[in-house]
Amino acid sequence: VRRFGPDGSLVGSVALPTPHITCP
């Protein structure tokens, strides 16, 4: 899961152990 700032910049993420991530 990737976290984007209001300006669209990538500022963080959550790493998961499986590839098909659907919704936070």
PDBML (XML) file of the C-alpha atoms, coordinates in Angstrom:
<?xml version="1.0" encoding="UTF-8" ?>
<PDBx:datablock datablockName="MODEL"
   xmlns:PDBx="http://pdbml.pdb.org/schema/pdbx-v50.xsd"
   xmlns:xsi="http://www.w3.org/2001/XMLSchema-instance"
   xsi:schemaLocation="http://pdbml.pdb.org/schema/pdbx-v50.xsd pdbx-v50.xsd">
   <PDBx:atom_siteCategory>
      <PDBx:atom_site id="1">
         <PDBx:B_iso_or_equiv>0.00</PDBx:B_iso_or_equiv>
         <PDBx:Cartn_x>0.000</PDBx:Cartn_x>
         <PDBx:Cartn_y>0.000</PDBx:Cartn_y>
         <PDBx:Cartn_z>0.000</PDBx:Cartn_z>
         <PDBx:auth_asym_id>A</PDBx:auth_asym_id>
         <PDBx:auth_atom_id>CA</PDBx:auth_atom_id>
         <PDBx:auth_comp_id>VAL</PDBx:auth_comp_id>
         <PDBx:auth_seq_id>1</PDBx:auth_seq_id>
         <PDBx:group_PDB>ATOM</PDBx:group_PDB>
         <PDBx:label_alt_id xsi:nil="true" />
         <PDBx:label_asym_id>A</PDBx:label_asym_id>
         <PDBx:label_atom_id>CA</PDBx:label_atom_id>
         <PDBx:label_comp_id>VAL</PDBx:label_comp_id>
         <PDBx:label_entity_id>1</PDBx:label_entity_id>
         <PDBx:label_seq_id>1</PDBx:label_seq_id>
         <PDBx:occupancy>1.00</PDBx:occupancy>
         <PDBx:pdbx_PDB_model_num>1</PDBx:pdbx_PDB_model_num>
         <PDBx:type_symbol>C</PDBx:type_symbol>
      </PDBx:atom_site>
      <PDBx:atom_site id="2">
         <PDBx:B_iso_or_equiv>0.00</PDBx:B_iso_or_equiv>
         <PDBx:Cartn_x>1.548</PDBx:Cartn_x>
         <PDBx:Cartn_y>3.329</PDBx:Cartn_y>
         <PDBx:Cartn_z>-1.011</PDBx:Cartn_z>
         <PDBx:auth_asym_id>A</PDBx:auth_asym_id>
         <PDBx:auth_atom_id>CA</PDBx:auth_atom_id>
         <PDBx:auth_comp_id>ARG</PDBx:auth_comp_id>
         <PDBx:auth_seq_id>2</PDBx:auth_seq_id>
         <PDBx:group_PDB>ATOM</PDBx:group_PDB>
         <PDBx:label_alt_id xsi:nil="true" />
         <PDBx:label_asym_id>A</PDBx:label_asym_id>
         <PDBx:label_atom_id>CA</PDBx:label_atom_id>
         <PDBx:label_comp_id>ARG</PDBx:label_comp_id>
         <PDBx:label_entity_id>1</PDBx:label_entity_id>
         <PDBx:label_seq_id>2</PDBx:label_seq_id>
         <PDBx:occupancy>1.00</PDBx:occupancy>
         <PDBx:pdbx_PDB_model_num>1</PDBx:pdbx_PDB_model_num>
         <PDBx:type_symbol>C</PDBx:type_symbol>
      </PDBx:atom_site>
      <PDBx:atom_site id="3">
         <PDBx:B_iso_or_equiv>0.00</PDBx:B_iso_or_equiv>
         <PDBx:Cartn_x>0.962</PDBx:Cartn_x>
         <PDBx:Cartn_y>6.660</PDBx:Cartn_y>
         <PDBx:Cartn_z>0.745</PDBx:Cartn_z>
         <PDBx:auth_asym_id>A</PDBx:auth_asym_id>
         <PDBx:auth_atom_id>CA</PDBx:auth_atom_id>
         <PDBx:auth_comp_id>ARG</PDBx:auth_comp_id>
         <PDBx:auth_seq_id>3</PDBx:auth_seq_id>
         <PDBx:group_PDB>ATOM</PDBx:group_PDB>
         <PDBx:label_alt_id xsi:nil="true" />
         <PDBx:label_asym_id>A</PDBx:label_asym_id>
         <PDBx:label_atom_id>CA</PDBx:label_atom_id>
         <PDBx:label_comp_id>ARG</PDBx:label_comp_id>
         <PDBx:label_entity_id>1</PDBx:label_entity_id>
         <PDBx:label_seq_id>3</PDBx:label_seq_id>
         <PDBx:occupancy>1.00</PDBx:occupancy>
         <PDBx:pdbx_PDB_model_num>1</PDBx:pdbx_PDB_model_num>
         <PDBx:type_symbol>C</PDBx:type_symbol>
      </PDBx:atom_site>
      <PDBx:atom_site id="4">
         <PDBx:B_iso_or_equiv>0.00</PDBx:B_iso_or_equiv>
         <PDBx:Cartn_x>0.843</PDBx:Cartn_x>
         <PDBx:Cartn_y>9.811</PDBx:Cartn_y>
         <PDBx:Cartn_z>-1.385</PDBx:Cartn_z>
         <PDBx:auth_asym_id>A</PDBx:auth_asym_id>
         <PDBx:auth_atom_id>CA</PDBx:auth_atom_id>
         <PDBx:auth_comp_id>PHE</PDBx:auth_comp_id>
         <PDBx:auth_seq_id>4</PDBx:auth_seq_id>
         <PDBx:group_PDB>ATOM</PDBx:group_PDB>
         <PDBx:label_alt_id xsi:nil="true" />
         <PDBx:label_asym_id>A</PDBx:label_asym_id>
         <PDBx:label_atom_id>CA</PDBx:label_atom_id>
         <PDBx:label_comp_id>PHE</PDBx:label_comp_id>
         <PDBx:label_entity_id>1</PDBx:label_entity_id>
         <PDBx:label_seq_id>4</PDBx:label_seq_id>
         <PDBx:occupancy>1.00</PDBx:occupancy>
         <PDBx:pdbx_PDB_model_num>1</PDBx:pdbx_PDB_model_num>
         <PDBx:type_symbol>C</PDBx:type_symbol>
      </PDBx:atom_site>
      <PDBx:atom_site id="5">
         <PDBx:B_iso_or_equiv>0.00</PDBx:B_iso_or_equiv>
         <PDBx:Cartn_x>0.818</PDBx:Cartn_x>
         <PDBx:Cartn_y>13.396</PDBx:Cartn_y>
         <PDBx:Cartn_z>-0.186</PDBx:Cartn_z>
         <PDBx:auth_asym_id>A</PDBx:auth_asym_id>
         <PDBx:auth_atom_id>CA</PDBx:auth_atom_id>
         <PDBx:auth_comp_id>GLY</PDBx:auth_comp_id>
         <PDBx:auth_seq_id>5</PDBx:auth_seq_id>
         <PDBx:group_PDB>ATOM</PDBx:group_PDB>
         <PDBx:label_alt_id xsi:nil="true" />
         <PDBx:label_asym_id>A</PDBx:label_asym_id>
         <PDBx:label_atom_id>CA</PDBx:label_atom_id>
         <PDBx:label_comp_id>GLY</PDBx:label_comp_id>
         <PDBx:label_entity_id>1</PDBx:label_entity_id>
         <PDBx:label_seq_id>5</PDBx:label_seq_id>
         <PDBx:occupancy>1.00</PDBx:occupancy>
         <PDBx:pdbx_PDB_model_num>1</PDBx:pdbx_PDB_model_num>
         <PDBx:type_symbol>C</PDBx:type_symbol>
      </PDBx:atom_site>
      <PDBx:atom_site id="6">
         <PDBx:B_iso_or_equiv>0.00</PDBx:B_iso_or_equiv>
         <PDBx:Cartn_x>-1.849</PDBx:Cartn_x>
         <PDBx:Cartn_y>15.879</PDBx:Cartn_y>
         <PDBx:Cartn_z>-1.317</PDBx:Cartn_z>
         <PDBx:auth_asym_id>A</PDBx:auth_asym_id>
         <PDBx:auth_atom_id>CA</PDBx:auth_atom_id>
         <PDBx:auth_comp_id>PRO</PDBx:auth_comp_id>
         <PDBx:auth_seq_id>6</PDBx:auth_seq_id>
         <PDBx:group_PDB>ATOM</PDBx:group_PDB>
         <PDBx:label_alt_id xsi:nil="true" />
         <PDBx:label_asym_id>A</PDBx:label_asym_id>
         <PDBx:label_atom_id>CA</PDBx:label_atom_id>
         <PDBx:label_comp_id>PRO</PDBx:label_comp_id>
         <PDBx:label_entity_id>1</PDBx:label_entity_id>
         <PDBx:label_seq_id>6</PDBx:label_seq_id>
         <PDBx:occupancy>1.00</PDBx:occupancy>
         <PDBx:pdbx_PDB_model_num>1</PDBx:pdbx_PDB_model_num>
         <PDBx:type_symbol>C</PDBx:type_symbol>
      </PDBx:atom_site>
      <PDBx:atom_site id="7">
         <PDBx:B_iso_or_equiv>0.00</PDBx:B_iso_or_equiv>
         <PDBx:Cartn_x>0.661</PDBx:Cartn_x>
         <PDBx:Cartn_y>17.060</PDBx:Cartn_y>
         <PDBx:Cartn_z>-3.937</PDBx:Cartn_z>
         <PDBx:auth_asym_id>A</PDBx:auth_asym_id>
         <PDBx:auth_atom_id>CA</PDBx:auth_atom_id>
         <PDBx:auth_comp_id>ASP</PDBx:auth_comp_id>
         <PDBx:auth_seq_id>7</PDBx:auth_seq_id>
         <PDBx:group_PDB>ATOM</PDBx:group_PDB>
         <PDBx:label_alt_id xsi:nil="true" />
         <PDBx:label_asym_id>A</PDBx:label_asym_id>
         <PDBx:label_atom_id>CA</PDBx:label_atom_id>
         <PDBx:label_comp_id>ASP</PDBx:label_comp_id>
         <PDBx:label_entity_id>1</PDBx:label_entity_id>
         <PDBx:label_seq_id>7</PDBx:label_seq_id>
         <PDBx:occupancy>1.00</PDBx:occupancy>
         <PDBx:pdbx_PDB_model_num>1</PDBx:pdbx_PDB_model_num>
         <PDBx:type_symbol>C</PDBx:type_symbol>
      </PDBx:atom_site>
      <PDBx:atom_site id="8">
         <PDBx:B_iso_or_equiv>0.00</PDBx:B_iso_or_equiv>
         <PDBx:Cartn_x>0.997</PDBx:Cartn_x>
         <PDBx:Cartn_y>13.521</PDBx:Cartn_y>
         <PDBx:Cartn_z>-5.342</PDBx:Cartn_z>
         <PDBx:auth_asym_id>A</PDBx:auth_asym_id>
         <PDBx:auth_atom_id>CA</PDBx:auth_atom_id>
         <PDBx:auth_comp_id>GLY</PDBx:auth_comp_id>
         <PDBx:auth_seq_id>8</PDBx:auth_seq_id>
         <PDBx:group_PDB>ATOM</PDBx:group_PDB>
         <PDBx:label_alt_id xsi:nil="true" />
         <PDBx:label_asym_id>A</PDBx:label_asym_id>
         <PDBx:label_atom_id>CA</PDBx:label_atom_id>
         <PDBx:label_comp_id>GLY</PDBx:label_comp_id>
         <PDBx:label_entity_id>1</PDBx:label_entity_id>
         <PDBx:label_seq_id>8</PDBx:label_seq_id>
         <PDBx:occupancy>1.00</PDBx:occupancy>
         <PDBx:pdbx_PDB_model_num>1</PDBx:pdbx_PDB_model_num>
         <PDBx:type_symbol>C</PDBx:type_symbol>
      </PDBx:atom_site>
      <PDBx:atom_site id="9">
         <PDBx:B_iso_or_equiv>0.00</PDBx:B_iso_or_equiv>
         <PDBx:Cartn_x>4.446</PDBx:Cartn_x>
         <PDBx:Cartn_y>12.829</PDBx:Cartn_y>
         <PDBx:Cartn_z>-3.883</PDBx:Cartn_z>
         <PDBx:auth_asym_id>A</PDBx:auth_asym_id>
         <PDBx:auth_atom_id>CA</PDBx:auth_atom_id>
         <PDBx:auth_comp_id>SER</PDBx:auth_comp_id>
         <PDBx:auth_seq_id>9</PDBx:auth_seq_id>
         <PDBx:group_PDB>ATOM</PDBx:group_PDB>
         <PDBx:label_alt_id xsi:nil="true" />
         <PDBx:label_asym_id>A</PDBx:label_asym_id>
         <PDBx:label_atom_id>CA</PDBx:label_atom_id>
         <PDBx:label_comp_id>SER</PDBx:label_comp_id>
         <PDBx:label_entity_id>1</PDBx:label_entity_id>
         <PDBx:label_seq_id>9</PDBx:label_seq_id>
         <PDBx:occupancy>1.00</PDBx:occupancy>
         <PDBx:pdbx_PDB_model_num>1</PDBx:pdbx_PDB_model_num>
         <PDBx:type_symbol>C</PDBx:type_symbol>
      </PDBx:atom_site>
      <PDBx:atom_site id="10">
         <PDBx:B_iso_or_equiv>0.00</PDBx:B_iso_or_equiv>
         <PDBx:Cartn_x>5.166</PDBx:Cartn_x>
         <PDBx:Cartn_y>9.299</PDBx:Cartn_y>
         <PDBx:Cartn_z>-2.663</PDBx:Cartn_z>
         <PDBx:auth_asym_id>A</PDBx:auth_asym_id>
         <PDBx:auth_atom_id>CA</PDBx:auth_atom_id>
         <PDBx:auth_comp_id>LEU</PDBx:auth_comp_id>
         <PDBx:auth_seq_id>10</PDBx:auth_seq_id>
         <PDBx:group_PDB>ATOM</PDBx:group_PDB>
         <PDBx:label_alt_id xsi:nil="true" />
         <PDBx:label_asym_id>A</PDBx:label_asym_id>
         <PDBx:label_atom_id>CA</PDBx:label_atom_id>
         <PDBx:label_comp_id>LEU</PDBx:label_comp_id>
         <PDBx:label_entity_id>1</PDBx:label_entity_id>
         <PDBx:label_seq_id>10</PDBx:label_seq_id>
         <PDBx:occupancy>1.00</PDBx:occupancy>
         <PDBx:pdbx_PDB_model_num>1</PDBx:pdbx_PDB_model_num>
         <PDBx:type_symbol>C</PDBx:type_symbol>
      </PDBx:atom_site>
      <PDBx:atom_site id="11">
         <PDBx:B_iso_or_equiv>0.00</PDBx:B_iso_or_equiv>
         <PDBx:Cartn_x>5.917</PDBx:Cartn_x>
         <PDBx:Cartn_y>9.646</PDBx:Cartn_y>
         <PDBx:Cartn_z>1.056</PDBx:Cartn_z>
         <PDBx:auth_asym_id>A</PDBx:auth_asym_id>
         <PDBx:auth_atom_id>CA</PDBx:auth_atom_id>
         <PDBx:auth_comp_id>VAL</PDBx:auth_comp_id>
         <PDBx:auth_seq_id>11</PDBx:auth_seq_id>
         <PDBx:group_PDB>ATOM</PDBx:group_PDB>
         <PDBx:label_alt_id xsi:nil="true" />
         <PDBx:label_asym_id>A</PDBx:label_asym_id>
         <PDBx:label_atom_id>CA</PDBx:label_atom_id>
         <PDBx:label_comp_id>VAL</PDBx:label_comp_id>
         <PDBx:label_entity_id>1</PDBx:label_entity_id>
         <PDBx:label_seq_id>11</PDBx:label_seq_id>
         <PDBx:occupancy>1.00</PDBx:occupancy>
         <PDBx:pdbx_PDB_model_num>1</PDBx:pdbx_PDB_model_num>
         <PDBx:type_symbol>C</PDBx:type_symbol>
      </PDBx:atom_site>
      <PDBx:atom_site id="12">
         <PDBx:B_iso_or_equiv>0.00</PDBx:B_iso_or_equiv>
         <PDBx:Cartn_x>5.552</PDBx:Cartn_x>
         <PDBx:Cartn_y>6.150</PDBx:Cartn_y>
         <PDBx:Cartn_z>2.511</PDBx:Cartn_z>
         <PDBx:auth_asym_id>A</PDBx:auth_asym_id>
         <PDBx:auth_atom_id>CA</PDBx:auth_atom_id>
         <PDBx:auth_comp_id>GLY</PDBx:auth_comp_id>
         <PDBx:auth_seq_id>12</PDBx:auth_seq_id>
         <PDBx:group_PDB>ATOM</PDBx:group_PDB>
         <PDBx:label_alt_id xsi:nil="true" />
         <PDBx:label_asym_id>A</PDBx:label_asym_id>
         <PDBx:label_atom_id>CA</PDBx:label_atom_id>
         <PDBx:label_comp_id>GLY</PDBx:label_comp_id>
         <PDBx:label_entity_id>1</PDBx:label_entity_id>
         <PDBx:label_seq_id>12</PDBx:label_seq_id>
         <PDBx:occupancy>1.00</PDBx:occupancy>
         <PDBx:pdbx_PDB_model_num>1</PDBx:pdbx_PDB_model_num>
         <PDBx:type_symbol>C</PDBx:type_symbol>
      </PDBx:atom_site>
      <PDBx:atom_site id="13">
         <PDBx:B_iso_or_equiv>0.00</PDBx:B_iso_or_equiv>
         <PDBx:Cartn_x>4.360</PDBx:Cartn_x>
         <PDBx:Cartn_y>2.589</PDBx:Cartn_y>
         <PDBx:Cartn_z>2.056</PDBx:Cartn_z>
         <PDBx:auth_asym_id>A</PDBx:auth_asym_id>
         <PDBx:auth_atom_id>CA</PDBx:auth_atom_id>
         <PDBx:auth_comp_id>SER</PDBx:auth_comp_id>
         <PDBx:auth_seq_id>13</PDBx:auth_seq_id>
         <PDBx:group_PDB>ATOM</PDBx:group_PDB>
         <PDBx:label_alt_id xsi:nil="true" />
         <PDBx:label_asym_id>A</PDBx:label_asym_id>
         <PDBx:label_atom_id>CA</PDBx:label_atom_id>
         <PDBx:label_comp_id>SER</PDBx:label_comp_id>
         <PDBx:label_entity_id>1</PDBx:label_entity_id>
         <PDBx:label_seq_id>13</PDBx:label_seq_id>
         <PDBx:occupancy>1.00</PDBx:occupancy>
         <PDBx:pdbx_PDB_model_num>1</PDBx:pdbx_PDB_model_num>
         <PDBx:type_symbol>C</PDBx:type_symbol>
      </PDBx:atom_site>
      <PDBx:atom_site id="14">
         <PDBx:B_iso_or_equiv>0.00</PDBx:B_iso_or_equiv>
         <PDBx:Cartn_x>3.297</PDBx:Cartn_x>
         <PDBx:Cartn_y>-0.614</PDBx:Cartn_y>
         <PDBx:Cartn_z>3.766</PDBx:Cartn_z>
         <PDBx:auth_asym_id>A</PDBx:auth_asym_id>
         <PDBx:auth_atom_id>CA</PDBx:auth_atom_id>
         <PDBx:auth_comp_id>VAL</PDBx:auth_comp_id>
         <PDBx:auth_seq_id>14</PDBx:auth_seq_id>
         <PDBx:group_PDB>ATOM</PDBx:group_PDB>
         <PDBx:label_alt_id xsi:nil="true" />
         <PDBx:label_asym_id>A</PDBx:label_asym_id>
         <PDBx:label_atom_id>CA</PDBx:label_atom_id>
         <PDBx:label_comp_id>VAL</PDBx:label_comp_id>
         <PDBx:label_entity_id>1</PDBx:label_entity_id>
         <PDBx:label_seq_id>14</PDBx:label_seq_id>
         <PDBx:occupancy>1.00</PDBx:occupancy>
         <PDBx:pdbx_PDB_model_num>1</PDBx:pdbx_PDB_model_num>
         <PDBx:type_symbol>C</PDBx:type_symbol>
      </PDBx:atom_site>
      <PDBx:atom_site id="15">
         <PDBx:B_iso_or_equiv>0.00</PDBx:B_iso_or_equiv>
         <PDBx:Cartn_x>5.037</PDBx:Cartn_x>
         <PDBx:Cartn_y>-3.819</PDBx:Cartn_y>
         <PDBx:Cartn_z>2.663</PDBx:Cartn_z>
         <PDBx:auth_asym_id>A</PDBx:auth_asym_id>
         <PDBx:auth_atom_id>CA</PDBx:auth_atom_id>
         <PDBx:auth_comp_id>ALA</PDBx:auth_comp_id>
         <PDBx:auth_seq_id>15</PDBx:auth_seq_id>
         <PDBx:group_PDB>ATOM</PDBx:group_PDB>
         <PDBx:label_alt_id xsi:nil="true" />
         <PDBx:label_asym_id>A</PDBx:label_asym_id>
         <PDBx:label_atom_id>CA</PDBx:label_atom_id>
         <PDBx:label_comp_id>ALA</PDBx:label_comp_id>
         <PDBx:label_entity_id>1</PDBx:label_entity_id>
         <PDBx:label_seq_id>15</PDBx:label_seq_id>
         <PDBx:occupancy>1.00</PDBx:occupancy>
         <PDBx:pdbx_PDB_model_num>1</PDBx:pdbx_PDB_model_num>
         <PDBx:type_symbol>C</PDBx:type_symbol>
      </PDBx:atom_site>
      <PDBx:atom_site id="16">
         <PDBx:B_iso_or_equiv>0.00</PDBx:B_iso_or_equiv>
         <PDBx:Cartn_x>2.921</PDBx:Cartn_x>
         <PDBx:Cartn_y>-6.975</PDBx:Cartn_y>
         <PDBx:Cartn_z>2.450</PDBx:Cartn_z>
         <PDBx:auth_asym_id>A</PDBx:auth_asym_id>
         <PDBx:auth_atom_id>CA</PDBx:auth_atom_id>
         <PDBx:auth_comp_id>LEU</PDBx:auth_comp_id>
         <PDBx:auth_seq_id>16</PDBx:auth_seq_id>
         <PDBx:group_PDB>ATOM</PDBx:group_PDB>
         <PDBx:label_alt_id xsi:nil="true" />
         <PDBx:label_asym_id>A</PDBx:label_asym_id>
         <PDBx:label_atom_id>CA</PDBx:label_atom_id>
         <PDBx:label_comp_id>LEU</PDBx:label_comp_id>
         <PDBx:label_entity_id>1</PDBx:label_entity_id>
         <PDBx:label_seq_id>16</PDBx:label_seq_id>
         <PDBx:occupancy>1.00</PDBx:occupancy>
         <PDBx:pdbx_PDB_model_num>1</PDBx:pdbx_PDB_model_num>
         <PDBx:type_symbol>C</PDBx:type_symbol>
      </PDBx:atom_site>
      <PDBx:atom_site id="17">
         <PDBx:B_iso_or_equiv>0.00</PDBx:B_iso_or_equiv>
         <PDBx:Cartn_x>4.083</PDBx:Cartn_x>
         <PDBx:Cartn_y>-10.593</PDBx:Cartn_y>
         <PDBx:Cartn_z>2.091</PDBx:Cartn_z>
         <PDBx:auth_asym_id>A</PDBx:auth_asym_id>
         <PDBx:auth_atom_id>CA</PDBx:auth_atom_id>
         <PDBx:auth_comp_id>PRO</PDBx:auth_comp_id>
         <PDBx:auth_seq_id>17</PDBx:auth_seq_id>
         <PDBx:group_PDB>ATOM</PDBx:group_PDB>
         <PDBx:label_alt_id xsi:nil="true" />
         <PDBx:label_asym_id>A</PDBx:label_asym_id>
         <PDBx:label_atom_id>CA</PDBx:label_atom_id>
         <PDBx:label_comp_id>PRO</PDBx:label_comp_id>
         <PDBx:label_entity_id>1</PDBx:label_entity_id>
         <PDBx:label_seq_id>17</PDBx:label_seq_id>
         <PDBx:occupancy>1.00</PDBx:occupancy>
         <PDBx:pdbx_PDB_model_num>1</PDBx:pdbx_PDB_model_num>
         <PDBx:type_symbol>C</PDBx:type_symbol>
      </PDBx:atom_site>
      <PDBx:atom_site id="18">
         <PDBx:B_iso_or_equiv>0.00</PDBx:B_iso_or_equiv>
         <PDBx:Cartn_x>1.664</PDBx:Cartn_x>
         <PDBx:Cartn_y>-11.384</PDBx:Cartn_y>
         <PDBx:Cartn_z>-0.753</PDBx:Cartn_z>
         <PDBx:auth_asym_id>A</PDBx:auth_asym_id>
         <PDBx:auth_atom_id>CA</PDBx:auth_atom_id>
         <PDBx:auth_comp_id>THR</PDBx:auth_comp_id>
         <PDBx:auth_seq_id>18</PDBx:auth_seq_id>
         <PDBx:group_PDB>ATOM</PDBx:group_PDB>
         <PDBx:label_alt_id xsi:nil="true" />
         <PDBx:label_asym_id>A</PDBx:label_asym_id>
         <PDBx:label_atom_id>CA</PDBx:label_atom_id>
         <PDBx:label_comp_id>THR</PDBx:label_comp_id>
         <PDBx:label_entity_id>1</PDBx:label_entity_id>
         <PDBx:label_seq_id>18</PDBx:label_seq_id>
         <PDBx:occupancy>1.00</PDBx:occupancy>
         <PDBx:pdbx_PDB_model_num>1</PDBx:pdbx_PDB_model_num>
         <PDBx:type_symbol>C</PDBx:type_symbol>
      </PDBx:atom_site>
      <PDBx:atom_site id="19">
         <PDBx:B_iso_or_equiv>0.00</PDBx:B_iso_or_equiv>
         <PDBx:Cartn_x>1.310</PDBx:Cartn_x>
         <PDBx:Cartn_y>-9.577</PDBx:Cartn_y>
         <PDBx:Cartn_z>-4.093</PDBx:Cartn_z>
         <PDBx:auth_asym_id>A</PDBx:auth_asym_id>
         <PDBx:auth_atom_id>CA</PDBx:auth_atom_id>
         <PDBx:auth_comp_id>PRO</PDBx:auth_comp_id>
         <PDBx:auth_seq_id>19</PDBx:auth_seq_id>
         <PDBx:group_PDB>ATOM</PDBx:group_PDB>
         <PDBx:label_alt_id xsi:nil="true" />
         <PDBx:label_asym_id>A</PDBx:label_asym_id>
         <PDBx:label_atom_id>CA</PDBx:label_atom_id>
         <PDBx:label_comp_id>PRO</PDBx:label_comp_id>
         <PDBx:label_entity_id>1</PDBx:label_entity_id>
         <PDBx:label_seq_id>19</PDBx:label_seq_id>
         <PDBx:occupancy>1.00</PDBx:occupancy>
         <PDBx:pdbx_PDB_model_num>1</PDBx:pdbx_PDB_model_num>
         <PDBx:type_symbol>C</PDBx:type_symbol>
      </PDBx:atom_site>
      <PDBx:atom_site id="20">
         <PDBx:B_iso_or_equiv>0.00</PDBx:B_iso_or_equiv>
         <PDBx:Cartn_x>-2.406</PDBx:Cartn_x>
         <PDBx:Cartn_y>-9.087</PDBx:Cartn_y>
         <PDBx:Cartn_z>-4.689</PDBx:Cartn_z>
         <PDBx:auth_asym_id>A</PDBx:auth_asym_id>
         <PDBx:auth_atom_id>CA</PDBx:auth_atom_id>
         <PDBx:auth_comp_id>HIS</PDBx:auth_comp_id>
         <PDBx:auth_seq_id>20</PDBx:auth_seq_id>
         <PDBx:group_PDB>ATOM</PDBx:group_PDB>
         <PDBx:label_alt_id xsi:nil="true" />
         <PDBx:label_asym_id>A</PDBx:label_asym_id>
         <PDBx:label_atom_id>CA</PDBx:label_atom_id>
         <PDBx:label_comp_id>HIS</PDBx:label_comp_id>
         <PDBx:label_entity_id>1</PDBx:label_entity_id>
         <PDBx:label_seq_id>20</PDBx:label_seq_id>
         <PDBx:occupancy>1.00</PDBx:occupancy>
         <PDBx:pdbx_PDB_model_num>1</PDBx:pdbx_PDB_model_num>
         <PDBx:type_symbol>C</PDBx:type_symbol>
      </PDBx:atom_site>
      <PDBx:atom_site id="21">
         <PDBx:B_iso_or_equiv>0.00</PDBx:B_iso_or_equiv>
         <PDBx:Cartn_x>-3.358</PDBx:Cartn_x>
         <PDBx:Cartn_y>-6.275</PDBx:Cartn_y>
         <PDBx:Cartn_z>-2.313</PDBx:Cartn_z>
         <PDBx:auth_asym_id>A</PDBx:auth_asym_id>
         <PDBx:auth_atom_id>CA</PDBx:auth_atom_id>
         <PDBx:auth_comp_id>ILE</PDBx:auth_comp_id>
         <PDBx:auth_seq_id>21</PDBx:auth_seq_id>
         <PDBx:group_PDB>ATOM</PDBx:group_PDB>
         <PDBx:label_alt_id xsi:nil="true" />
         <PDBx:label_asym_id>A</PDBx:label_asym_id>
         <PDBx:label_atom_id>CA</PDBx:label_atom_id>
         <PDBx:label_comp_id>ILE</PDBx:label_comp_id>
         <PDBx:label_entity_id>1</PDBx:label_entity_id>
         <PDBx:label_seq_id>21</PDBx:label_seq_id>
         <PDBx:occupancy>1.00</PDBx:occupancy>
         <PDBx:pdbx_PDB_model_num>1</PDBx:pdbx_PDB_model_num>
         <PDBx:type_symbol>C</PDBx:type_symbol>
      </PDBx:atom_site>
      <PDBx:atom_site id="22">
         <PDBx:B_iso_or_equiv>0.00</PDBx:B_iso_or_equiv>
         <PDBx:Cartn_x>-6.864</PDBx:Cartn_x>
         <PDBx:Cartn_y>-4.927</PDBx:Cartn_y>
         <PDBx:Cartn_z>-2.789</PDBx:Cartn_z>
         <PDBx:auth_asym_id>A</PDBx:auth_asym_id>
         <PDBx:auth_atom_id>CA</PDBx:auth_atom_id>
         <PDBx:auth_comp_id>THR</PDBx:auth_comp_id>
         <PDBx:auth_seq_id>22</PDBx:auth_seq_id>
         <PDBx:group_PDB>ATOM</PDBx:group_PDB>
         <PDBx:label_alt_id xsi:nil="true" />
         <PDBx:label_asym_id>A</PDBx:label_asym_id>
         <PDBx:label_atom_id>CA</PDBx:label_atom_id>
         <PDBx:label_comp_id>THR</PDBx:label_comp_id>
         <PDBx:label_entity_id>1</PDBx:label_entity_id>
         <PDBx:label_seq_id>22</PDBx:label_seq_id>
         <PDBx:occupancy>1.00</PDBx:occupancy>
         <PDBx:pdbx_PDB_model_num>1</PDBx:pdbx_PDB_model_num>
         <PDBx:type_symbol>C</PDBx:type_symbol>
      </PDBx:atom_site>
      <PDBx:atom_site id="23">
         <PDBx:B_iso_or_equiv>0.00</PDBx:B_iso_or_equiv>
         <PDBx:Cartn_x>-7.891</PDBx:Cartn_x>
         <PDBx:Cartn_y>-2.222</PDBx:Cartn_y>
         <PDBx:Cartn_z>-0.307</PDBx:Cartn_z>
         <PDBx:auth_asym_id>A</PDBx:auth_asym_id>
         <PDBx:auth_atom_id>CA</PDBx:auth_atom_id>
         <PDBx:auth_comp_id>CYS</PDBx:auth_comp_id>
         <PDBx:auth_seq_id>23</PDBx:auth_seq_id>
         <PDBx:group_PDB>ATOM</PDBx:group_PDB>
         <PDBx:label_alt_id xsi:nil="true" />
         <PDBx:label_asym_id>A</PDBx:label_asym_id>
         <PDBx:label_atom_id>CA</PDBx:label_atom_id>
         <PDBx:label_comp_id>CYS</PDBx:label_comp_id>
         <PDBx:label_entity_id>1</PDBx:label_entity_id>
         <PDBx:label_seq_id>23</PDBx:label_seq_id>
         <PDBx:occupancy>1.00</PDBx:occupancy>
         <PDBx:pdbx_PDB_model_num>1</PDBx:pdbx_PDB_model_num>
         <PDBx:type_symbol>C</PDBx:type_symbol>
      </PDBx:atom_site>
      <PDBx:atom_site id="24">
         <PDBx:B_iso_or_equiv>0.00</PDBx:B_iso_or_equiv>
         <PDBx:Cartn_x>-6.855</PDBx:Cartn_x>
         <PDBx:Cartn_y>-0.421</PDBx:Cartn_y>
         <PDBx:Cartn_z>2.912</PDBx:Cartn_z>
         <PDBx:auth_asym_id>A</PDBx:auth_asym_id>
         <PDBx:auth_atom_id>CA</PDBx:auth_atom_id>
         <PDBx:auth_comp_id>PRO</PDBx:auth_comp_id>
         <PDBx:auth_seq_id>24</PDBx:auth_seq_id>
         <PDBx:group_PDB>ATOM</PDBx:group_PDB>
         <PDBx:label_alt_id xsi:nil="true" />
         <PDBx:label_asym_id>A</PDBx:label_asym_id>
         <PDBx:label_atom_id>CA</PDBx:label_atom_id>
         <PDBx:label_comp_id>PRO</PDBx:label_comp_id>
         <PDBx:label_entity_id>1</PDBx:label_entity_id>
         <PDBx:label_seq_id>24</PDBx:label_seq_id>
         <PDBx:occupancy>1.00</PDBx:occupancy>
         <PDBx:pdbx_PDB_model_num>1</PDBx:pdbx_PDB_model_num>
         <PDBx:type_symbol>C</PDBx:type_symbol>
      </PDBx:atom_site>
   </PDBx:atom_siteCategory>
</PDBx:datablock>
